[in-house]
């Protein structure tokens, strides 16, 4: 290479580096700008509005924490928060079923692919469509009542699944379990597939049965995915909307969740400030439950991690 060609090569490389930098900045600035414009700016505005008595057209002034105090003074809002416990219980059942099906289908069950598709299919259906399906399913004298009558239960002994407040929230929870069980199952199957198969062989040599393998190998091995699913399920329980709004006829008969109360406050009562305060309370609850779950997995599941690591080290020694 000549002395004259060396500066040209350096200039060309420098120009290419500037082009790369410009391309990176261009592709980074636009998403960040859109994220700030449609997420962070509205979020900051929501925090501000929560301290005002205002509607979409009028602002009656600053009220401080009065909006927040009203939330915890009214029984209807506390009751709406407590309805989330139904959906949390449903989330636990949903995760348990998903983990059971994932473990079963990961064992090479014949026809497993068909069962995976059947269980996963409800997740692909639109939530509003599922709402109308179950609204018809629970209607008096229709699908569910017909099936129960066929096995010998008379119609007058059956409750009104969407009116009777002793069972209607459980009926709505079942719709969420039916929809999201397949999604969690697929995630669990992927996590189980990533576990080193030599761990099962080492456990078999030690005389471990299927339950012991599940407890000592599978559960610790998919802990990260399990924790993610649990967090998503619990936060989804706190912000449940579609089952109560569509199947429960916009929260009728004591099915209005806290998220529906926020919707009614903002779009029916036209009290934007109060709705923003309720949204902030909901966000705080989600954060608290997320932190609680992380602490649970950090300290309660610590022994399972140690067992998993010892099994993994023993398998490496054997193989």
C-alpha atoms as a PDB file:
ATOM      1  CA  UNK A   1       0.000   0.000   0.000  1.00  0.00           C
ATOM      2  CA  UNK A   2       1.391   3.393  -0.984  1.00  0.00           C
ATOM      3  CA  UNK A   3       1.642   6.370   1.341  1.00  0.00           C
ATOM      4  CA  UNK A   4      -1.038   8.223  -0.681  1.00  0.00           C
ATOM      5  CA  UNK A   5      -3.487   5.320  -0.497  1.00  0.00           C
ATOM      6  CA  UNK A   6      -3.289   5.053   3.305  1.00  0.00           C
ATOM      7  CA  UNK A   7      -4.987   8.438   4.026  1.00  0.00           C
ATOM      8  CA  UNK A   8      -7.720   7.603   1.487  1.00  0.00           C
ATOM      9  CA  UNK A   9      -8.422   4.297   3.272  1.00  0.00           C
ATOM     10  CA  UNK A  10      -8.587   6.043   6.641  1.00  0.00           C
ATOM     11  CA  UNK A  11     -10.960   8.669   5.273  1.00  0.00           C
ATOM     12  CA  UNK A  12     -13.160   5.952   3.748  1.00  0.00           C
ATOM     13  CA  UNK A  13     -13.301   4.049   7.035  1.00  0.00           C
ATOM     14  CA  UNK A  14     -14.055   7.243   8.905  1.00  0.00           C
ATOM     15  CA  UNK A  15     -16.880   8.031   6.486  1.00  0.00           C
ATOM     16  CA  UNK A  16     -18.295   4.510   6.884  1.00  0.00           C
ATOM     17  CA  UNK A  17     -18.185   4.829  10.696  1.00  0.00           C
ATOM     18  CA  UNK A  18     -20.071   8.131  10.512  1.00  0.00           C
ATOM     19  CA  UNK A  19     -22.659   6.505   8.269  1.00  0.00           C
ATOM     20  CA  UNK A  20     -23.118   3.657  10.740  1.00  0.00           C
ATOM     21  CA  UNK A  21     -23.427   6.075  13.636  1.00  0.00           C
ATOM     22  CA  UNK A  22     -25.983   8.167  11.745  1.00  0.00           C
ATOM     23  CA  UNK A  23     -27.979   5.044  10.868  1.00  0.00           C
ATOM     24  CA  UNK A  24     -27.966   3.818  14.472  1.00  0.00           C
ATOM     25  CA  UNK A  25     -29.005   7.204  15.833  1.00  0.00           C
ATOM     26  CA  UNK A  26     -31.749   7.566  13.234  1.00  0.00           C
ATOM     27  CA  UNK A  27     -33.253   4.177  14.019  1.00  0.00           C
ATOM     28  CA  UNK A  28     -32.932   4.759  17.774  1.00  0.00           C
ATOM     29  CA  UNK A  29     -34.320   8.299  17.918  1.00  0.00           C
ATOM     30  CA  UNK A  30     -37.629   7.571  16.200  1.00  0.00           C
ATOM     31  CA  UNK A  31     -38.695   4.680  18.508  1.00  0.00           C
ATOM     32  CA  UNK A  32     -37.541   6.573  21.595  1.00  0.00           C
ATOM     33  CA  UNK A  33     -39.451   9.659  20.462  1.00  0.00           C
ATOM     34  CA  UNK A  34     -42.630   7.646  19.877  1.00  0.00           C
ATOM     35  CA  UNK A  35     -42.183   5.850  23.213  1.00  0.00           C
ATOM     36  CA  UNK A  36     -41.840   9.157  25.046  1.00  0.00           C
ATOM     37  CA  UNK A  37     -44.711  10.770  23.139  1.00  0.00           C
ATOM     38  CA  UNK A  38     -47.262   7.989  23.604  1.00  0.00           C
ATOM     39  CA  UNK A  39     -46.132   6.435  26.904  1.00  0.00           C
ATOM     40  CA  UNK A  40     -44.082   8.638  29.223  1.00  0.00           C
ATOM     41  CA  UNK A  41     -45.692  12.001  28.467  1.00  0.00           C
ATOM     42  CA  UNK A  42     -49.251  10.635  28.972  1.00  0.00           C
ATOM     43  CA  UNK A  43     -48.093   8.849  32.124  1.00  0.00           C
ATOM     44  CA  UNK A  44     -46.707  12.089  33.570  1.00  0.00           C
ATOM     45  CA  UNK A  45     -49.920  13.863  32.601  1.00  0.00           C
ATOM     46  CA  UNK A  46     -51.940  11.139  34.318  1.00  0.00           C
ATOM     47  CA  UNK A  47     -49.997  11.658  37.543  1.00  0.00           C
ATOM     48  CA  UNK A  48     -50.690  15.381  37.313  1.00  0.00           C
ATOM     49  CA  UNK A  49     -54.399  14.937  36.552  1.00  0.00           C
ATOM     50  CA  UNK A  50     -54.845  12.604  39.552  1.00  0.00           C
ATOM     51  CA  UNK A  51     -54.428  15.611  41.861  1.00  0.00           C
ATOM     52  CA  UNK A  52     -57.162  17.647  40.152  1.00  0.00           C
ATOM     53  CA  UNK A  53     -60.946  17.620  40.149  1.00  0.00           C
ATOM     54  CA  UNK A  54     -61.462  17.672  36.411  1.00  0.00           C
ATOM     55  CA  UNK A  55     -63.385  16.267  33.462  1.00  0.00           C
ATOM     56  CA  UNK A  56     -62.551  16.178  29.765  1.00  0.00           C
ATOM     57  CA  UNK A  57     -63.783  19.753  29.347  1.00  0.00           C
ATOM     58  CA  UNK A  58     -63.480  21.425  32.753  1.00  0.00           C
ATOM     59  CA  UNK A  59     -60.837  21.726  35.448  1.00  0.00           C
ATOM     60  CA  UNK A  60     -62.271  22.655  38.852  1.00  0.00           C
ATOM     61  CA  UNK A  61     -58.872  23.015  40.455  1.00  0.00           C
ATOM     62  CA  UNK A  62     -56.226  21.287  42.507  1.00  0.00           C
ATOM     63  CA  UNK A  63     -57.562  18.933  45.214  1.00  0.00           C
ATOM     64  CA  UNK A  64     -54.350  17.263  46.387  1.00  0.00           C
ATOM     65  CA  UNK A  65     -54.793  13.733  47.694  1.00  0.00           C
ATOM     66  CA  UNK A  66     -58.574  13.966  48.008  1.00  0.00           C
ATOM     67  CA  UNK A  67     -59.098  11.759  44.963  1.00  0.00           C
ATOM     68  CA  UNK A  68     -56.908   9.062  46.510  1.00  0.00           C
ATOM     69  CA  UNK A  69     -58.668   9.320  49.874  1.00  0.00           C
ATOM     70  CA  UNK A  70     -62.080   8.879  48.210  1.00  0.00           C
ATOM     71  CA  UNK A  71     -60.932   5.594  46.676  1.00  0.00           C
ATOM     72  CA  UNK A  72     -60.204   4.024  50.055  1.00  0.00           C
ATOM     73  CA  UNK A  73     -63.265   5.522  51.754  1.00  0.00           C
ATOM     74  CA  UNK A  74     -65.849   4.019  49.388  1.00  0.00           C
ATOM     75  CA  UNK A  75     -66.769   0.374  49.842  1.00  0.00           C
ATOM     76  CA  UNK A  76     -67.568  -0.094  46.158  1.00  0.00           C
ATOM     77  CA  UNK A  77     -63.947   0.597  45.193  1.00  0.00           C
ATOM     78  CA  UNK A  78     -62.556  -1.639  47.927  1.00  0.00           C
ATOM     79  CA  UNK A  79     -64.958  -4.366  46.835  1.00  0.00           C
ATOM     80  CA  UNK A  80     -63.838  -3.961  43.233  1.00  0.00           C
ATOM     81  CA  UNK A  81     -60.222  -4.394  44.332  1.00  0.00           C
ATOM     82  CA  UNK A  82     -61.129  -7.529  46.277  1.00  0.00           C
ATOM     83  CA  UNK A  83     -62.708  -9.027  43.158  1.00  0.00           C
ATOM     84  CA  UNK A  84     -59.158  -9.379  41.858  1.00  0.00           C
ATOM     85  CA  UNK A  85     -58.712 -12.189  44.389  1.00  0.00           C
ATOM     86  CA  UNK A  86     -61.079 -14.322  42.316  1.00  0.00           C
ATOM     87  CA  UNK A  87     -58.931 -13.808  39.244  1.00  0.00           C
ATOM     88  CA  UNK A  88     -55.740 -14.418  41.241  1.00  0.00           C
ATOM     89  CA  UNK A  89     -57.129 -17.750  42.405  1.00  0.00           C
ATOM     90  CA  UNK A  90     -58.001 -18.484  38.797  1.00  0.00           C
ATOM     91  CA  UNK A  91     -54.457 -17.549  37.762  1.00  0.00           C
ATOM     92  CA  UNK A  92     -53.040 -20.122  40.198  1.00  0.00           C
ATOM     93  CA  UNK A  93     -55.354 -22.797  38.801  1.00  0.00           C
ATOM     94  CA  UNK A  94     -54.477 -21.720  35.275  1.00  0.00           C
ATOM     95  CA  UNK A  95     -50.726 -21.993  35.903  1.00  0.00           C
ATOM     96  CA  UNK A  96     -51.133 -25.347  37.645  1.00  0.00           C
ATOM     97  CA  UNK A  97     -53.113 -26.748  34.696  1.00  0.00           C
ATOM     98  CA  UNK A  98     -50.664 -25.278  32.179  1.00  0.00           C
ATOM     99  CA  UNK A  99     -47.698 -26.782  34.025  1.00  0.00           C
ATOM    100  CA  UNK A 100     -49.458 -30.151  34.285  1.00  0.00           C
ATOM    101  CA  UNK A 101     -50.253 -30.252  30.566  1.00  0.00           C
ATOM    102  CA  UNK A 102     -46.758 -29.024  29.657  1.00  0.00           C
ATOM    103  CA  UNK A 103     -45.090 -31.721  31.758  1.00  0.00           C
ATOM    104  CA  UNK A 104     -47.388 -34.389  30.353  1.00  0.00           C
ATOM    105  CA  UNK A 105     -46.964 -33.330  26.722  1.00  0.00           C
ATOM    106  CA  UNK A 106     -43.185 -32.963  27.094  1.00  0.00           C
ATOM    107  CA  UNK A 107     -42.893 -36.663  27.925  1.00  0.00           C
ATOM    108  CA  UNK A 108     -43.477 -37.719  24.308  1.00  0.00           C
ATOM    109  CA  UNK A 109     -47.188 -38.505  24.640  1.00  0.00           C
ATOM    110  CA  UNK A 110     -48.693 -39.934  21.451  1.00  0.00           C
ATOM    111  CA  UNK A 111     -50.790 -37.326  19.666  1.00  0.00           C
ATOM    112  CA  UNK A 112     -49.247 -34.598  21.800  1.00  0.00           C
ATOM    113  CA  UNK A 113     -49.109 -32.140  18.916  1.00  0.00           C
ATOM    114  CA  UNK A 114     -52.882 -32.325  18.455  1.00  0.00           C
ATOM    115  CA  UNK A 115     -53.496 -31.765  22.166  1.00  0.00           C
ATOM    116  CA  UNK A 116     -51.121 -28.794  22.132  1.00  0.00           C
ATOM    117  CA  UNK A 117     -53.061 -27.227  19.291  1.00  0.00           C
ATOM    118  CA  UNK A 118     -56.416 -27.821  20.984  1.00  0.00           C
ATOM    119  CA  UNK A 119     -55.311 -26.334  24.288  1.00  0.00           C
ATOM    120  CA  UNK A 120     -53.498 -23.394  22.675  1.00  0.00           C
ATOM    121  CA  UNK A 121     -56.314 -22.511  20.254  1.00  0.00           C
ATOM    122  CA  UNK A 122     -58.422 -20.418  22.724  1.00  0.00           C
ATOM    123  CA  UNK A 123     -55.531 -17.992  23.135  1.00  0.00           C
ATOM    124  CA  UNK A 124     -55.758 -17.179  19.417  1.00  0.00           C
ATOM    125  CA  UNK A 125     -59.422 -16.199  19.678  1.00  0.00           C
ATOM    126  CA  UNK A 126     -60.241 -12.541  20.263  1.00  0.00           C
ATOM    127  CA  UNK A 127     -61.183 -11.748  23.862  1.00  0.00           C
ATOM    128  CA  UNK A 128     -64.447 -10.062  22.879  1.00  0.00           C
ATOM    129  CA  UNK A 129     -65.442 -13.119  20.834  1.00  0.00           C
ATOM    130  CA  UNK A 130     -64.668 -15.369  23.786  1.00  0.00           C
ATOM    131  CA  UNK A 131     -66.827 -13.122  25.939  1.00  0.00           C
ATOM    132  CA  UNK A 132     -69.839 -13.590  23.696  1.00  0.00           C
ATOM    133  CA  UNK A 133     -69.182 -17.335  23.438  1.00  0.00           C
ATOM    134  CA  UNK A 134     -69.309 -17.708  27.210  1.00  0.00           C
ATOM    135  CA  UNK A 135     -72.235 -15.345  27.548  1.00  0.00           C
ATOM    136  CA  UNK A 136     -74.197 -17.787  25.412  1.00  0.00           C
ATOM    137  CA  UNK A 137     -72.592 -20.713  27.266  1.00  0.00           C
ATOM    138  CA  UNK A 138     -73.817 -19.473  30.672  1.00  0.00           C
ATOM    139  CA  UNK A 139     -77.275 -18.272  29.567  1.00  0.00           C
ATOM    140  CA  UNK A 140     -80.105 -19.902  31.470  1.00  0.00           C
ATOM    141  CA  UNK A 141     -81.230 -23.122  29.825  1.00  0.00           C
ATOM    142  CA  UNK A 142     -78.506 -23.128  27.187  1.00  0.00           C
ATOM    143  CA  UNK A 143     -75.212 -25.021  26.819  1.00  0.00           C
ATOM    144  CA  UNK A 144     -73.960 -25.468  30.388  1.00  0.00           C
ATOM    145  CA  UNK A 145     -77.421 -26.023  31.852  1.00  0.00           C
ATOM    146  CA  UNK A 146     -78.240 -28.515  29.090  1.00  0.00           C
ATOM    147  CA  UNK A 147     -75.092 -30.532  29.806  1.00  0.00           C
ATOM    148  CA  UNK A 148     -75.769 -30.554  33.558  1.00  0.00           C
ATOM    149  CA  UNK A 149     -79.385 -31.598  33.010  1.00  0.00           C
ATOM    150  CA  UNK A 150     -78.154 -34.427  30.799  1.00  0.00           C
ATOM    151  CA  UNK A 151     -76.229 -35.891  33.754  1.00  0.00           C
ATOM    152  CA  UNK A 152     -79.290 -35.703  36.004  1.00  0.00           C
ATOM    153  CA  UNK A 153     -79.253 -32.254  37.648  1.00  0.00           C
ATOM    154  CA  UNK A 154     -82.664 -30.535  37.323  1.00  0.00           C
ATOM    155  CA  UNK A 155     -82.769 -26.990  35.991  1.00  0.00           C
ATOM    156  CA  UNK A 156     -84.424 -25.547  39.110  1.00  0.00           C
ATOM    157  CA  UNK A 157     -81.457 -26.753  41.173  1.00  0.00           C
ATOM    158  CA  UNK A 158     -78.947 -24.857  39.019  1.00  0.00           C
ATOM    159  CA  UNK A 159     -77.942 -21.271  39.808  1.00  0.00           C
ATOM    160  CA  UNK A 160     -78.083 -18.352  37.402  1.00  0.00           C
ATOM    161  CA  UNK A 161     -74.423 -18.435  36.433  1.00  0.00           C
ATOM    162  CA  UNK A 162     -74.203 -14.723  35.614  1.00  0.00           C
ATOM    163  CA  UNK A 163     -76.744 -13.343  38.109  1.00  0.00           C
ATOM    164  CA  UNK A 164     -76.132 -15.287  41.295  1.00  0.00           C
ATOM    165  CA  UNK A 165     -73.365 -13.362  43.085  1.00  0.00           C
ATOM    166  CA  UNK A 166     -72.184 -16.500  44.854  1.00  0.00           C
ATOM    167  CA  UNK A 167     -71.026 -18.056  41.578  1.00  0.00           C
ATOM    168  CA  UNK A 168     -70.966 -15.384  38.857  1.00  0.00           C
ATOM    169  CA  UNK A 169     -67.406 -14.196  39.494  1.00  0.00           C
ATOM    170  CA  UNK A 170     -66.146 -17.782  39.459  1.00  0.00           C
ATOM    171  CA  UNK A 171     -67.932 -18.232  36.143  1.00  0.00           C
ATOM    172  CA  UNK A 172     -66.078 -15.233  34.731  1.00  0.00           C
ATOM    173  CA  UNK A 173     -62.753 -16.464  36.103  1.00  0.00           C
ATOM    174  CA  UNK A 174     -63.216 -19.726  34.216  1.00  0.00           C
ATOM    175  CA  UNK A 175     -63.278 -17.804  30.910  1.00  0.00           C
ATOM    176  CA  UNK A 176     -59.811 -16.390  31.681  1.00  0.00           C
ATOM    177  CA  UNK A 177     -58.486 -19.813  32.663  1.00  0.00           C
ATOM    178  CA  UNK A 178     -59.814 -21.282  29.406  1.00  0.00           C
ATOM    179  CA  UNK A 179     -58.256 -18.534  27.288  1.00  0.00           C
ATOM    180  CA  UNK A 180     -54.771 -18.217  28.808  1.00  0.00           C
ATOM    181  CA  UNK A 181     -53.987 -21.777  29.902  1.00  0.00           C
ATOM    182  CA  UNK A 182     -52.697 -22.677  26.440  1.00  0.00           C
ATOM    183  CA  UNK A 183     -50.367 -19.689  26.242  1.00  0.00           C
ATOM    184  CA  UNK A 184     -48.722 -20.557  29.547  1.00  0.00           C
ATOM    185  CA  UNK A 185     -48.540 -24.226  28.555  1.00  0.00           C
ATOM    186  CA  UNK A 186     -46.571 -23.413  25.392  1.00  0.00           C
ATOM    187  CA  UNK A 187     -44.125 -21.263  27.361  1.00  0.00           C
ATOM    188  CA  UNK A 188     -43.648 -24.049  29.897  1.00  0.00           C
ATOM    189  CA  UNK A 189     -43.079 -26.619  27.150  1.00  0.00           C
ATOM    190  CA  UNK A 190     -40.326 -24.458  25.672  1.00  0.00           C
ATOM    191  CA  UNK A 191     -38.701 -24.045  29.075  1.00  0.00           C
ATOM    192  CA  UNK A 192     -38.862 -27.781  29.834  1.00  0.00           C
ATOM    193  CA  UNK A 193     -37.298 -28.567  26.446  1.00  0.00           C
ATOM    194  CA  UNK A 194     -34.273 -26.434  27.375  1.00  0.00           C
ATOM    195  CA  UNK A 195     -33.418 -28.571  30.436  1.00  0.00           C
ATOM    196  CA  UNK A 196     -30.383 -30.834  29.977  1.00  0.00           C
ATOM    197  CA  UNK A 197     -31.727 -34.404  29.466  1.00  0.00           C
ATOM    198  CA  UNK A 198     -28.745 -35.862  31.310  1.00  0.00           C
ATOM    199  CA  UNK A 199     -30.286 -34.536  34.523  1.00  0.00           C
ATOM    200  CA  UNK A 200     -33.206 -36.935  34.113  1.00  0.00           C
ATOM    201  CA  UNK A 201     -30.798 -39.812  33.479  1.00  0.00           C
ATOM    202  CA  UNK A 202     -28.820 -38.978  36.617  1.00  0.00           C
ATOM    203  CA  UNK A 203     -32.032 -38.737  38.632  1.00  0.00           C
ATOM    204  CA  UNK A 204     -33.207 -42.097  37.285  1.00  0.00           C
ATOM    205  CA  UNK A 205     -29.925 -43.686  38.357  1.00  0.00           C
ATOM    206  CA  UNK A 206     -30.487 -42.246  41.833  1.00  0.00           C
ATOM    207  CA  UNK A 207     -33.927 -43.906  41.877  1.00  0.00           C
ATOM    208  CA  UNK A 208     -35.981 -40.712  41.640  1.00  0.00           C
ATOM    209  CA  UNK A 209     -39.604 -41.150  40.561  1.00  0.00           C
ATOM    210  CA  UNK A 210     -41.504 -38.807  38.215  1.00  0.00           C
ATOM    211  CA  UNK A 211     -42.731 -36.553  41.020  1.00  0.00           C
ATOM    212  CA  UNK A 212     -39.239 -36.205  42.474  1.00  0.00           C
ATOM    213  CA  UNK A 213     -37.856 -35.401  39.009  1.00  0.00           C
ATOM    214  CA  UNK A 214     -40.527 -32.764  38.549  1.00  0.00           C
ATOM    215  CA  UNK A 215     -39.864 -31.193  41.949  1.00  0.00           C
ATOM    216  CA  UNK A 216     -36.061 -31.318  41.795  1.00  0.00           C
ATOM    217  CA  UNK A 217     -35.344 -30.835  38.074  1.00  0.00           C
ATOM    218  CA  UNK A 218     -38.277 -29.453  36.083  1.00  0.00           C
ATOM    219  CA  UNK A 219     -39.618 -26.888  38.547  1.00  0.00           C
ATOM    220  CA  UNK A 220     -36.228 -25.310  39.392  1.00  0.00           C
ATOM    221  CA  UNK A 221     -35.184 -25.536  35.737  1.00  0.00           C
ATOM    222  CA  UNK A 222     -38.160 -23.470  34.534  1.00  0.00           C
ATOM    223  CA  UNK A 223     -38.221 -21.108  37.500  1.00  0.00           C
ATOM    224  CA  UNK A 224     -37.523 -18.022  35.394  1.00  0.00           C
ATOM    225  CA  UNK A 225     -40.347 -18.757  32.956  1.00  0.00           C
ATOM    226  CA  UNK A 226     -42.658 -19.756  35.804  1.00  0.00           C
ATOM    227  CA  UNK A 227     -41.961 -16.496  37.600  1.00  0.00           C
ATOM    228  CA  UNK A 228     -42.611 -14.537  34.401  1.00  0.00           C
ATOM    229  CA  UNK A 229     -45.922 -16.315  33.835  1.00  0.00           C
ATOM    230  CA  UNK A 230     -46.924 -15.800  37.451  1.00  0.00           C
ATOM    231  CA  UNK A 231     -46.145 -12.081  37.310  1.00  0.00           C
ATOM    232  CA  UNK A 232     -48.084 -11.676  34.064  1.00  0.00           C
ATOM    233  CA  UNK A 233     -51.008 -13.681  35.436  1.00  0.00           C
ATOM    234  CA  UNK A 234     -51.207 -11.734  38.699  1.00  0.00           C
ATOM    235  CA  UNK A 235     -50.919  -8.346  37.001  1.00  0.00           C
ATOM    236  CA  UNK A 236     -53.531  -9.488  34.507  1.00  0.00           C
ATOM    237  CA  UNK A 237     -55.779 -10.476  37.419  1.00  0.00           C
ATOM    238  CA  UNK A 238     -55.515  -7.005  38.909  1.00  0.00           C
ATOM    239  CA  UNK A 239     -56.488  -5.405  35.599  1.00  0.00           C
ATOM    240  CA  UNK A 240     -59.132  -7.925  34.468  1.00  0.00           C
ATOM    241  CA  UNK A 241     -61.600  -6.277  32.115  1.00  0.00           C
ATOM    242  CA  UNK A 242     -62.958  -8.342  29.211  1.00  0.00           C
ATOM    243  CA  UNK A 243     -64.717 -11.152  31.167  1.00  0.00           C
ATOM    244  CA  UNK A 244     -66.593  -8.792  33.479  1.00  0.00           C
ATOM    245  CA  UNK A 245     -67.335  -6.233  30.749  1.00  0.00           C
ATOM    246  CA  UNK A 246     -68.531  -8.588  28.009  1.00  0.00           C
ATOM    247  CA  UNK A 247     -69.745 -11.728  29.790  1.00  0.00           C
ATOM    248  CA  UNK A 248     -70.812  -9.896  32.938  1.00  0.00           C
ATOM    249  CA  UNK A 249     -72.699  -7.166  31.026  1.00  0.00           C
ATOM    250  CA  UNK A 250     -70.390  -4.261  31.927  1.00  0.00           C
ATOM    251  CA  UNK A 251     -69.892  -5.336  35.517  1.00  0.00           C
ATOM    252  CA  UNK A 252     -73.511  -6.034  36.432  1.00  0.00           C
ATOM    253  CA  UNK A 253     -74.540  -8.067  39.498  1.00  0.00           C
ATOM    254  CA  UNK A 254     -71.368  -7.398  41.464  1.00  0.00           C
ATOM    255  CA  UNK A 255     -68.872  -8.355  38.764  1.00  0.00           C
ATOM    256  CA  UNK A 256     -67.357  -4.904  38.153  1.00  0.00           C
ATOM    257  CA  UNK A 257     -63.592  -5.149  38.616  1.00  0.00           C
ATOM    258  CA  UNK A 258     -61.436  -2.186  39.571  1.00  0.00           C
ATOM    259  CA  UNK A 259     -60.465  -1.724  35.921  1.00  0.00           C
ATOM    260  CA  UNK A 260     -64.146  -1.457  34.960  1.00  0.00           C
ATOM    261  CA  UNK A 261     -64.660   1.083  37.746  1.00  0.00           C
ATOM    262  CA  UNK A 262     -61.868   3.167  36.222  1.00  0.00           C
ATOM    263  CA  UNK A 263     -63.538   2.920  32.811  1.00  0.00           C
ATOM    264  CA  UNK A 264     -66.906   3.963  34.228  1.00  0.00           C
ATOM    265  CA  UNK A 265     -65.388   6.828  36.181  1.00  0.00           C
ATOM    266  CA  UNK A 266     -63.603   8.230  33.133  1.00  0.00           C
ATOM    267  CA  UNK A 267     -66.030   7.552  30.286  1.00  0.00           C
ATOM    268  CA  UNK A 268     -69.440   7.392  31.986  1.00  0.00           C
ATOM    269  CA  UNK A 269     -69.139   9.756  34.952  1.00  0.00           C
ATOM    270  CA  UNK A 270     -66.657  12.000  33.080  1.00  0.00           C
ATOM    271  CA  UNK A 271     -64.418  12.359  36.161  1.00  0.00           C
ATOM    272  CA  UNK A 272     -60.970  12.205  34.637  1.00  0.00           C
ATOM    273  CA  UNK A 273     -59.060  13.275  37.739  1.00  0.00           C
ATOM    274  CA  UNK A 274     -60.634  10.566  39.864  1.00  0.00           C
ATOM    275  CA  UNK A 275     -60.057   7.960  37.149  1.00  0.00           C
ATOM    276  CA  UNK A 276     -56.378   8.924  36.943  1.00  0.00           C
ATOM    277  CA  UNK A 277     -56.038   8.523  40.710  1.00  0.00           C
ATOM    278  CA  UNK A 278     -57.637   5.074  40.486  1.00  0.00           C
ATOM    279  CA  UNK A 279     -55.229   4.148  37.693  1.00  0.00           C
ATOM    280  CA  UNK A 280     -52.293   5.205  39.863  1.00  0.00           C
ATOM    281  CA  UNK A 281     -53.588   3.052  42.726  1.00  0.00           C
ATOM    282  CA  UNK A 282     -53.907   0.104  40.338  1.00  0.00           C
ATOM    283  CA  UNK A 283     -50.336   0.617  39.141  1.00  0.00           C
ATOM    284  CA  UNK A 284     -49.107   0.738  42.754  1.00  0.00           C
ATOM    285  CA  UNK A 285     -50.875  -2.559  43.510  1.00  0.00           C
ATOM    286  CA  UNK A 286     -49.307  -4.196  40.460  1.00  0.00           C
ATOM    287  CA  UNK A 287     -45.842  -3.018  41.523  1.00  0.00           C
ATOM    288  CA  UNK A 288     -46.353  -4.278  45.090  1.00  0.00           C
ATOM    289  CA  UNK A 289     -47.497  -7.712  43.944  1.00  0.00           C
ATOM    290  CA  UNK A 290     -44.607  -7.933  41.497  1.00  0.00           C
ATOM    291  CA  UNK A 291     -42.075  -7.138  44.241  1.00  0.00           C
ATOM    292  CA  UNK A 292     -43.749  -9.650  46.587  1.00  0.00           C
ATOM    293  CA  UNK A 293     -43.489 -12.376  43.952  1.00  0.00           C
ATOM    294  CA  UNK A 294     -39.829 -11.653  43.295  1.00  0.00           C
ATOM    295  CA  UNK A 295     -39.077 -11.836  47.018  1.00  0.00           C
ATOM    296  CA  UNK A 296     -40.995 -15.109  47.238  1.00  0.00           C
ATOM    297  CA  UNK A 297     -38.952 -16.706  44.475  1.00  0.00           C
ATOM    298  CA  UNK A 298     -35.705 -15.306  45.826  1.00  0.00           C
ATOM    299  CA  UNK A 299     -36.079 -16.716  49.333  1.00  0.00           C
ATOM    300  CA  UNK A 300     -38.675 -19.513  49.266  1.00  0.00           C
ATOM    301  CA  UNK A 301     -37.373 -21.189  46.092  1.00  0.00           C
ATOM    302  CA  UNK A 302     -33.741 -20.947  47.207  1.00  0.00           C
ATOM    303  CA  UNK A 303     -33.614 -24.582  48.376  1.00  0.00           C
ATOM    304  CA  UNK A 304     -34.972 -25.782  45.036  1.00  0.00           C
ATOM    305  CA  UNK A 305     -32.186 -23.932  43.250  1.00  0.00           C
ATOM    306  CA  UNK A 306     -29.582 -25.642  45.400  1.00  0.00           C
ATOM    307  CA  UNK A 307     -31.101 -29.064  44.679  1.00  0.00           C
ATOM    308  CA  UNK A 308     -31.179 -28.333  40.953  1.00  0.00           C
ATOM    309  CA  UNK A 309     -27.546 -27.216  40.939  1.00  0.00           C
ATOM    310  CA  UNK A 310     -26.419 -30.316  42.827  1.00  0.00           C
ATOM    311  CA  UNK A 311     -28.271 -32.523  40.336  1.00  0.00           C
ATOM    312  CA  UNK A 312     -26.705 -30.674  37.431  1.00  0.00           C
ATOM    313  CA  UNK A 313     -23.192 -31.047  38.865  1.00  0.00           C
ATOM    314  CA  UNK A 314     -23.737 -34.733  39.532  1.00  0.00           C
ATOM    315  CA  UNK A 315     -24.997 -35.287  35.980  1.00  0.00           C
ATOM    316  CA  UNK A 316     -21.907 -33.583  34.565  1.00  0.00           C
ATOM    317  CA  UNK A 317     -19.715 -35.841  36.695  1.00  0.00           C
ATOM    318  CA  UNK A 318     -21.500 -38.984  35.498  1.00  0.00           C
ATOM    319  CA  UNK A 319     -21.588 -38.064  31.851  1.00  0.00           C
END
